C-alpha atoms as a PDB file:
ATOM      1  CA  GLY A   1    -102.233-129.165 133.631  1.00  0.00           C
ATOM      2  CA  GLY A   2    -101.415-125.711 131.932  1.00  0.00           C
ATOM      3  CA  GLU A   3    -103.235-122.664 132.938  1.00  0.00           C
ATOM      4  CA  PHE A   4    -103.895-119.285 131.176  1.00  0.00           C
ATOM      5  CA  ASN A   5    -103.373-120.754 127.716  1.00  0.00           C
ATOM      6  CA  VAL A   6    -105.317-119.587 124.264  1.00  0.00           C
ATOM      7  CA  GLY A   7    -105.383-121.867 121.326  1.00  0.00           C
ATOM      8  CA  ILE A   8    -107.430-121.077 118.241  1.00  0.00           C
ATOM      9  CA  GLY A   9    -107.035-123.407 115.198  1.00  0.00           C
ATOM     10  CA  ASN A  10    -106.602-126.844 114.041  1.00  0.00           C
ATOM     11  CA  ALA A  11    -104.130-128.681 116.060  1.00  0.00           C
ATOM     12  CA  THR A  12    -102.923-125.673 118.152  1.00  0.00           C
ATOM     13  CA  LEU A  13    -101.504-126.577 121.593  1.00  0.00           C
ATOM     14  CA  ASP A  14    -102.346-130.341 121.140  1.00  0.00           C
ATOM     15  CA  ALA A  15     -99.601-131.591 123.146  1.00  0.00           C
ATOM     16  CA  LEU A  16     -99.833-129.209 126.045  1.00  0.00           C
ATOM     17  CA  THR A  17     -99.551-130.831 129.406  1.00  0.00           C
ATOM     18  CA  SER A  18     -98.138-128.140 132.082  1.00  0.00           C
ATOM     19  CA  ALA A  19     -97.196-125.150 130.097  1.00  0.00           C
ATOM     20  CA  ASP A  20     -98.844-121.686 131.258  1.00  0.00           C
ATOM     21  CA  LYS A  21     -99.569-118.416 129.328  1.00  0.00           C
ATOM     22  CA  CYS A  22     -99.206-119.704 125.765  1.00  0.00           C
ATOM     23  CA  VAL A  23    -101.127-118.082 122.942  1.00  0.00           C
ATOM     24  CA  ALA A  24    -101.249-120.111 119.642  1.00  0.00           C
ATOM     25  CA  ILE A  25    -103.354-119.013 116.896  1.00  0.00           C
ATOM     26  CA  GLY A  26    -103.120-120.965 113.359  1.00  0.00           C
ATOM     27  CA  TYR A  27    -103.094-124.380 112.051  1.00  0.00           C
ATOM     28  CA  GLU A  28    -100.615-126.267 114.141  1.00  0.00           C
ATOM     29  CA  ALA A  29     -99.110-123.316 115.824  1.00  0.00           C
ATOM     30  CA  GLY A  30     -97.634-124.481 118.981  1.00  0.00           C
ATOM     31  CA  SER A  31     -98.791-128.044 118.369  1.00  0.00           C
ATOM     32  CA  ALA A  32     -95.873-129.685 120.226  1.00  0.00           C
ATOM     33  CA  ILE A  33     -95.603-127.532 123.353  1.00  0.00           C
ATOM     34  CA  ASN A  34     -95.955-129.484 126.466  1.00  0.00           C
ATOM     35  CA  SER A  35     -94.151-127.576 129.277  1.00  0.00           C
ATOM     36  CA  GLY A  36     -92.783-124.691 127.395  1.00  0.00           C
ATOM     37  CA  GLY A  37     -94.536-121.674 128.793  1.00  0.00           C
ATOM     38  CA  ALA A  38     -95.156-117.954 127.754  1.00  0.00           C
ATOM     39  CA  ASN A  39     -94.812-118.381 124.097  1.00  0.00           C
ATOM     40  CA  THR A  40     -96.803-116.227 121.630  1.00  0.00           C
ATOM     41  CA  LEU A  41     -97.334-118.020 118.315  1.00  0.00           C
ATOM     42  CA  VAL A  42     -99.467-116.567 115.596  1.00  0.00           C
ATOM     43  CA  GLY A  43     -99.621-117.991 111.954  1.00  0.00           C
ATOM     44  CA  HIS A  44     -99.729-121.341 109.989  1.00  0.00           C
ATOM     45  CA  GLU A  45     -97.454-123.679 111.785  1.00  0.00           C
ATOM     46  CA  ALA A  46     -95.819-120.903 113.752  1.00  0.00           C
ATOM     47  CA  GLY A  47     -93.637-122.442 116.586  1.00  0.00           C
ATOM     48  CA  LYS A  48     -94.958-125.859 115.587  1.00  0.00           C
ATOM     49  CA  VAL A  49     -92.307-128.033 117.146  1.00  0.00           C
ATOM     50  CA  ILE A  50     -91.539-126.081 120.447  1.00  0.00           C
ATOM     51  CA  THR A  51     -91.833-128.354 123.338  1.00  0.00           C
ATOM     52  CA  THR A  52     -90.108-126.895 126.498  1.00  0.00           C
ATOM     53  CA  GLY A  53     -88.785-123.654 125.059  1.00  0.00           C
ATOM     54  CA  THR A  54     -90.051-120.441 126.877  1.00  0.00           C
ATOM     55  CA  PHE A  55     -90.570-116.802 126.024  1.00  0.00           C
ATOM     56  CA  ASN A  56     -90.730-117.133 122.160  1.00  0.00           C
ATOM     57  CA  THR A  57     -92.659-114.855 119.988  1.00  0.00           C
ATOM     58  CA  PHE A  58     -93.339-116.157 116.453  1.00  0.00           C
ATOM     59  CA  VAL A  59     -95.600-114.292 114.032  1.00  0.00           C
ATOM     60  CA  GLY A  60     -96.003-115.307 110.508  1.00  0.00           C
ATOM     61  CA  PHE A  61     -96.440-118.431 108.152  1.00  0.00           C
ATOM     62  CA  GLU A  62     -93.909-121.028 109.480  1.00  0.00           C
ATOM     63  CA  ALA A  63     -92.087-118.409 111.630  1.00  0.00           C
ATOM     64  CA  GLY A  64     -89.943-120.407 114.215  1.00  0.00           C
ATOM     65  CA  ASN A  65     -91.301-123.666 113.131  1.00  0.00           C
ATOM     66  CA  ASN A  66     -88.247-125.831 114.101  1.00  0.00           C
ATOM     67  CA  PHE A  67     -87.752-124.381 117.341  1.00  0.00           C
ATOM     68  CA  ASP A  68     -88.133-126.871 120.238  1.00  0.00           C
ATOM     69  CA  THR A  69     -86.191-126.165 123.444  1.00  0.00           C
ATOM     70  CA  GLU A  70     -84.850-122.685 122.471  1.00  0.00           C
ATOM     71  CA  SER A  71     -85.904-119.583 124.488  1.00  0.00           C
ATOM     72  CA  ASN A  72     -86.210-115.738 124.188  1.00  0.00           C
ATOM     73  CA  ASN A  73     -86.432-115.526 120.455  1.00  0.00           C
ATOM     74  CA  VAL A  74     -88.430-113.206 118.210  1.00  0.00           C
ATOM     75  CA  GLY A  75     -89.351-113.819 114.731  1.00  0.00           C
ATOM     76  CA  PHE A  76     -91.888-111.852 112.524  1.00  0.00           C
ATOM     77  CA  GLY A  77     -92.515-112.816 109.085  1.00  0.00           C
ATOM     78  CA  SER A  78     -92.868-115.675 106.740  1.00  0.00           C
ATOM     79  CA  ALA A  79     -90.321-118.366 107.676  1.00  0.00           C
ATOM     80  CA  ALA A  80     -88.571-115.910 110.046  1.00  0.00           C
ATOM     81  CA  LEU A  81     -86.119-117.881 112.120  1.00  0.00           C
ATOM     82  CA  GLY A  82     -87.579-120.974 110.472  1.00  0.00           C
ATOM     83  CA  GLY A  83     -84.438-122.818 109.975  1.00  0.00           C
ATOM     84  CA  PRO A  84     -82.920-126.141 111.299  1.00  0.00           C
ATOM     85  CA  ILE A  85     -82.419-124.718 114.834  1.00  0.00           C
ATOM     86  CA  ALA A  86     -80.468-126.653 117.548  1.00  0.00           C
ATOM     87  CA  GLY A  87     -79.787-124.453 120.421  1.00  0.00           C
ATOM     88  CA  GLY A  88     -80.143-120.830 119.412  1.00  0.00           C
ATOM     89  CA  SER A  89     -81.731-118.334 121.927  1.00  0.00           C
ATOM     90  CA  SER A  90     -82.173-114.460 122.133  1.00  0.00           C
ATOM     91  CA  ASN A  91     -82.276-113.868 118.524  1.00  0.00           C
ATOM     92  CA  VAL A  92     -84.492-111.408 116.680  1.00  0.00           C
ATOM     93  CA  ALA A  93     -85.608-111.643 113.087  1.00  0.00           C
ATOM     94  CA  LEU A  94     -87.930-109.248 111.377  1.00  0.00           C
ATOM     95  CA  GLY A  95     -88.796-109.918 107.716  1.00  0.00           C
ATOM     96  CA  SER A  96     -89.395-112.664 105.376  1.00  0.00           C
ATOM     97  CA  SER A  97     -86.824-115.622 105.742  1.00  0.00           C
ATOM     98  CA  THR A  98     -84.778-113.536 108.221  1.00  0.00           C
ATOM     99  CA  LEU A  99     -82.138-115.787 110.131  1.00  0.00           C
ATOM    100  CA  ALA A 100     -83.653-118.662 108.071  1.00  0.00           C
ATOM    101  CA  SER A 101     -80.440-120.886 108.376  1.00  0.00           C
ATOM    102  CA  LEU A 102     -79.644-120.472 112.118  1.00  0.00           C
ATOM    103  CA  THR A 103     -78.649-123.717 113.865  1.00  0.00           C
ATOM    104  CA  SER A 104     -77.167-122.958 117.166  1.00  0.00           C
ATOM    105  CA  ALA A 105     -76.358-119.247 117.214  1.00  0.00           C
ATOM    106  CA  ASP A 106     -77.357-116.499 119.822  1.00  0.00           C
ATOM    107  CA  PHE A 107     -77.990-112.954 120.036  1.00  0.00           C
ATOM    108  CA  ASN A 108     -78.445-112.042 116.409  1.00  0.00           C
ATOM    109  CA  ILE A 109     -80.498-109.186 115.028  1.00  0.00           C
ATOM    110  CA  ALA A 110     -81.822-109.359 111.569  1.00  0.00           C
ATOM    111  CA  ILE A 111     -84.140-106.770 109.883  1.00  0.00           C
ATOM    112  CA  GLY A 112     -85.260-107.105 106.259  1.00  0.00           C
ATOM    113  CA  ASN A 113     -86.003-109.557 103.447  1.00  0.00           C
ATOM    114  CA  GLU A 114     -83.568-112.488 103.911  1.00  0.00           C
ATOM    115  CA  ALA A 115     -81.350-110.518 106.340  1.00  0.00           C
ATOM    116  CA  GLY A 116     -79.195-112.875 108.180  1.00  0.00           C
ATOM    117  CA  SER A 117     -80.425-115.758 106.344  1.00  0.00           C
ATOM    118  CA  GLY A 118     -76.914-117.176 105.818  1.00  0.00           C
ATOM    119  CA  ILE A 119     -75.880-117.068 109.728  1.00  0.00           C
ATOM    120  CA  THR A 120     -75.725-120.526 111.011  1.00  0.00           C
ATOM    121  CA  THR A 121     -73.667-120.760 114.171  1.00  0.00           C
ATOM    122  CA  SER A 122     -72.130-117.197 114.503  1.00  0.00           C
ATOM    123  CA  ASN A 123     -73.266-114.998 117.646  1.00  0.00           C
ATOM    124  CA  ASP A 124     -73.714-111.319 118.092  1.00  0.00           C
ATOM    125  CA  ASN A 125     -74.245-110.319 114.469  1.00  0.00           C
ATOM    126  CA  ILE A 126     -76.443-107.421 113.279  1.00  0.00           C
ATOM    127  CA  ALA A 127     -77.873-107.619 109.683  1.00  0.00           C
ATOM    128  CA  ILE A 128     -80.079-104.919 108.449  1.00  0.00           C
ATOM    129  CA  GLY A 129     -81.286-104.705 104.927  1.00  0.00           C
ATOM    130  CA  ARG A 130     -82.696-106.844 102.070  1.00  0.00           C
ATOM    131  CA  ASN A 131     -80.249-109.794 101.546  1.00  0.00           C
ATOM    132  CA  CYS A 132     -77.730-108.527 104.069  1.00  0.00           C
ATOM    133  CA  MET A 133     -75.354-111.318 105.574  1.00  0.00           C
ATOM    134  CA  THR A 134     -76.642-114.148 103.418  1.00  0.00           C
ATOM    135  CA  GLY A 135     -73.515-115.868 103.177  1.00  0.00           C
ATOM    136  CA  THR A 136     -73.083-119.086 105.304  1.00  0.00           C
ATOM    137  CA  LEU A 137     -71.754-117.635 108.292  1.00  0.00           C
ATOM    138  CA  THR A 138     -70.110-119.543 111.176  1.00  0.00           C
ATOM    139  CA  GLY A 139     -67.488-118.720 113.726  1.00  0.00           C
ATOM    140  CA  ASN A 140     -67.094-115.557 116.327  1.00  0.00           C
ATOM    141  CA  GLY A 141     -69.386-113.162 114.830  1.00  0.00           C
ATOM    142  CA  SER A 142     -69.934-109.756 116.198  1.00  0.00           C
ATOM    143  CA  ASN A 143     -70.323-108.299 112.700  1.00  0.00           C
ATOM    144  CA  CYS A 144     -72.518-105.286 111.940  1.00  0.00           C
ATOM    145  CA  PHE A 145     -74.049-104.665 108.579  1.00  0.00           C
ATOM    146  CA  VAL A 146     -76.558-102.060 107.347  1.00  0.00           C
ATOM    147  CA  GLY A 147     -77.432-102.011 103.777  1.00  0.00           C
ATOM    148  CA  SER A 148     -78.662-104.227 100.937  1.00  0.00           C
ATOM    149  CA  SER A 149     -76.534-106.968  99.573  1.00  0.00           C
ATOM    150  CA  ILE A 150     -73.924-106.607 102.392  1.00  0.00           C
ATOM    151  CA  GLY A 151     -71.941-109.757 103.432  1.00  0.00           C
ATOM    152  CA  THR A 152     -73.524-112.050 100.802  1.00  0.00           C
ATOM    153  CA  GLN A 153     -70.077-114.001 100.526  1.00  0.00           C
ATOM    154  CA  LEU A 154     -69.103-113.983 104.278  1.00  0.00           C
ATOM    155  CA  THR A 155     -68.378-117.399 105.649  1.00  0.00           C
ATOM    156  CA  SER A 156     -66.279-116.610 108.504  1.00  0.00           C
ATOM    157  CA  GLY A 157     -65.057-113.409 110.151  1.00  0.00           C
ATOM    158  CA  PHE A 158     -65.827-111.108 113.220  1.00  0.00           C
ATOM    159  CA  TYR A 159     -65.839-107.369 114.036  1.00  0.00           C
ATOM    160  CA  ASN A 160     -66.308-106.360 110.567  1.00  0.00           C
ATOM    161  CA  GLN A 161     -68.583-103.275 110.129  1.00  0.00           C
ATOM    162  CA  ALA A 162     -70.180-102.183 106.783  1.00  0.00           C
ATOM    163  CA  ILE A 163     -72.786 -99.343 105.914  1.00  0.00           C
ATOM    164  CA  GLY A 164     -74.059 -98.852 102.405  1.00  0.00           C
ATOM    165  CA  SER A 165     -75.415-101.292  99.694  1.00  0.00           C
ATOM    166  CA  SER A 166     -73.042-103.805  98.605  1.00  0.00           C
ATOM    167  CA  ALA A 167     -70.348-102.687 101.027  1.00  0.00           C
ATOM    168  CA  LEU A 168     -67.792-105.662 101.778  1.00  0.00           C
ATOM    169  CA  GLY A 169     -70.218-107.501  99.531  1.00  0.00           C
ATOM    170  CA  ASN A 170     -67.492-109.899  98.300  1.00  0.00           C
ATOM    171  CA  LEU A 171     -65.810-110.455 101.775  1.00  0.00           C
ATOM    172  CA  ILE A 172     -65.375-114.137 102.433  1.00  0.00           C
ATOM    173  CA  SER A 173     -63.335-113.897 105.680  1.00  0.00           C
ATOM    174  CA  GLY A 174     -61.783-111.170 107.593  1.00  0.00           C
ATOM    175  CA  ILE A 175     -61.490-109.390 110.879  1.00  0.00           C
ATOM    176  CA  SER A 176     -61.936-105.849 111.744  1.00  0.00           C
ATOM    177  CA  ASN A 177     -62.876-104.650 108.246  1.00  0.00           C
ATOM    178  CA  ILE A 178     -64.714-101.315 108.055  1.00  0.00           C
ATOM    179  CA  ALA A 179     -66.529-100.004 104.908  1.00  0.00           C
ATOM    180  CA  ILE A 180     -68.797 -97.045 104.556  1.00  0.00           C
ATOM    181  CA  GLY A 181     -70.693 -95.956 101.354  1.00  0.00           C
ATOM    182  CA  HIS A 182     -72.139 -97.781  98.320  1.00  0.00           C
ATOM    183  CA  ASP A 183     -69.833-100.501  97.000  1.00  0.00           C
ATOM    184  CA  SER A 184     -66.921 -99.438  99.384  1.00  0.00           C
ATOM    185  CA  GLY A 185     -64.565-102.512  99.988  1.00  0.00           C
ATOM    186  CA  LEU A 186     -66.198-104.341  97.306  1.00  0.00           C
ATOM    187  CA  THR A 187     -62.991-105.881  95.945  1.00  0.00           C
ATOM    188  CA  THR A 188     -61.975-106.938  99.407  1.00  0.00           C
ATOM    189  CA  THR A 189     -62.351-110.852  99.713  1.00  0.00           C
ATOM    190  CA  THR A 190     -60.034-111.757 102.579  1.00  0.00           C
ATOM    191  CA  GLY A 191     -58.095-109.562 105.015  1.00  0.00           C
ATOM    192  CA  ASP A 192     -57.871-108.339 108.634  1.00  0.00           C
ATOM    193  CA  HIS A 193     -57.668-104.566 108.906  1.00  0.00           C
END
């Protein structure tokens, strides 16, 4: 059996067989963990379906509640990393509904209410600000957006950088676009610059 585990709350760590060093606090937090060790889960259904995933930290109502075999993710906030995950690892989400649509993407960072909530399979993105990168983003990634309502329409594209509220706010697809300042590049919908 597992060692050095702490479970507080109804149905926490219910399926545990050999996992070590897990902490689960809250209704059904980590309830499916069997061999996935070193997970820290705090909140109602936080990390609820993790089975073999390791080194995840989820704090908040339903944070990371669809993860199962994924590892090295951090989610703080209600429904942070709470999407239909199927293979994403090494993601960081801070804020309510951050990275909430993630399916198989890796190495994304999202900070702010609903930041990165549209990223599905795109890797290596940074979204900082309320409603930043909320478009259904797939593809290569490596976009960096800082400010509110940036990348709300972005569906594909990589190496784009924007700083300032609504900068590149209407960009749908593009490569290597740079916009700095409020509403800069707002009329750009597609393009490679």
